[in-house]
Amino acid sequence: MSSIQTAARALVEKINAGKHTDKDLQALVAAVNECDVENKEINDKYRAAAQEIAREGEIEVDDGAVVSLSEDGAYVQAWLWVNSDVFEED
C-alpha cells in the first residue's frame, strides 16, 4: 500500500470515529507531496529518454510533456510532424 493510501485510510478512519486532527491531515498532505516529488523525478527520466529517441523536425518532445506511467514503461506526449503534401491528390 502506498504512503498516500496509508495516510488517507488513517484520516478516513479517524474522521469516521470523530477523532481526526490537523496532524492527520498534515500527514496526508506530506504523503501527497512526497509522491509528487517521486513522480516528477520518474517523469523527468521518461521525458529525457523520449527526447533522446525523438528526431528533430519529425518527432519532438516538450520539456513539460505529459507522462502516463504504466507497469512496463510510460507513454510520453510528443509532437509528430505531418507534411501538408499528404492532402495533395495524385
Protein backbone atom coordinates (compact mmCIF):
# COMPACT_ATOMS: atom_id res chain seq x y z
CA MET A 1 0.00 0.00 0.00
CA SER A 2 1.35 3.44 -0.90
CA SER A 3 2.08 6.13 1.67
CA ILE A 4 -0.84 8.15 0.28
CA GLN A 5 -3.24 5.24 0.71
CA THR A 6 -1.99 4.61 4.24
CA ALA A 7 -2.35 8.26 5.26
CA ALA A 8 -5.75 8.58 3.56
CA ARG A 9 -7.09 5.44 5.23
CA ALA A 10 -5.89 6.61 8.63
CA LEU A 11 -7.52 10.01 8.10
CA VAL A 12 -10.84 8.49 6.95
CA GLU A 13 -10.91 6.12 9.91
CA LYS A 14 -10.29 8.99 12.32
CA ILE A 15 -12.89 11.19 10.60
CA ASN A 16 -15.44 8.37 10.86
CA ALA A 17 -14.59 7.98 14.53
CA GLY A 18 -14.79 11.75 15.05
CA LYS A 19 -11.18 11.83 16.26
CA HIS A 20 -9.24 13.45 13.41
CA THR A 21 -6.78 16.26 13.99
CA ASP A 22 -4.85 18.70 11.83
CA LYS A 23 -1.85 16.40 12.31
CA ASP A 24 -3.71 13.61 10.48
CA LEU A 25 -4.46 15.90 7.55
CA GLN A 26 -0.86 17.13 7.51
CA ALA A 27 0.32 13.51 7.25
CA LEU A 28 -1.80 13.03 4.14
CA VAL A 29 -0.54 16.30 2.61
CA ALA A 30 3.06 15.22 3.29
CA ALA A 31 2.46 11.84 1.63
CA VAL A 32 0.96 13.51 -1.46
CA ASN A 33 3.87 15.96 -1.68
CA GLU A 34 6.39 13.11 -1.36
CA CYS A 35 4.66 11.22 -4.16
CA ASP A 36 4.67 14.34 -6.36
CA VAL A 37 8.46 14.64 -5.95
CA GLU A 38 8.98 10.93 -6.76
CA ASN A 39 6.69 11.14 -9.80
CA LYS A 40 8.44 14.28 -11.07
CA GLU A 41 11.80 12.51 -10.94
CA ILE A 42 10.45 9.45 -12.77
CA ASN A 43 8.56 11.56 -15.31
CA ASP A 44 11.69 13.63 -15.99
CA LYS A 45 13.63 10.43 -16.73
CA TYR A 46 10.99 9.24 -19.21
CA ARG A 47 10.86 12.68 -20.86
CA ALA A 48 14.65 12.70 -21.22
CA ALA A 49 14.60 9.21 -22.74
CA ALA A 50 11.87 10.24 -25.18
CA GLN A 51 13.83 13.35 -26.15
CA GLU A 52 16.81 11.11 -26.96
CA ILE A 53 14.63 8.95 -29.23
CA ALA A 54 12.96 11.96 -30.89
CA ARG A 55 14.13 13.19 -34.28
CA GLU A 56 14.34 16.96 -34.91
CA GLY A 57 11.58 18.05 -37.24
CA GLU A 58 9.84 14.66 -37.17
CA ILE A 59 9.04 13.76 -33.56
CA GLU A 60 9.66 16.27 -30.79
CA VAL A 61 9.07 16.12 -27.03
CA ASP A 62 8.48 19.25 -24.94
CA ASP A 63 10.22 19.67 -21.58
CA GLY A 64 6.83 19.61 -19.82
CA ALA A 65 5.30 16.78 -21.87
CA VAL A 66 2.61 14.71 -20.16
CA VAL A 67 3.84 11.31 -18.95
CA SER A 68 1.45 8.43 -18.31
CA LEU A 69 3.17 5.72 -16.28
CA SER A 70 2.39 2.00 -16.52
CA GLU A 71 3.96 -1.12 -15.06
CA ASP A 72 6.27 -1.70 -18.03
CA GLY A 73 7.08 1.85 -19.12
CA ALA A 74 5.32 5.09 -19.96
CA TYR A 75 3.61 7.00 -22.71
CA VAL A 76 5.21 10.40 -23.28
CA GLN A 77 3.34 13.15 -25.10
CA ALA A 78 5.11 14.14 -28.30
CA TRP A 79 4.68 16.23 -31.44
CA LEU A 80 4.61 14.27 -34.68
CA TRP A 81 5.20 16.25 -37.88
CA VAL A 82 2.76 15.59 -40.72
CA ASN A 83 3.66 17.26 -44.00
CA SER A 84 0.85 19.06 -45.83
CA ASP A 85 1.51 17.10 -49.01
CA VAL A 86 -0.43 14.16 -47.54
CA PHE A 87 -3.54 16.08 -48.62
CA GLU A 88 -2.47 16.55 -52.23
CA GLU A 89 -4.27 14.45 -54.78
CA ASP A 90 -2.30 12.12 -57.07
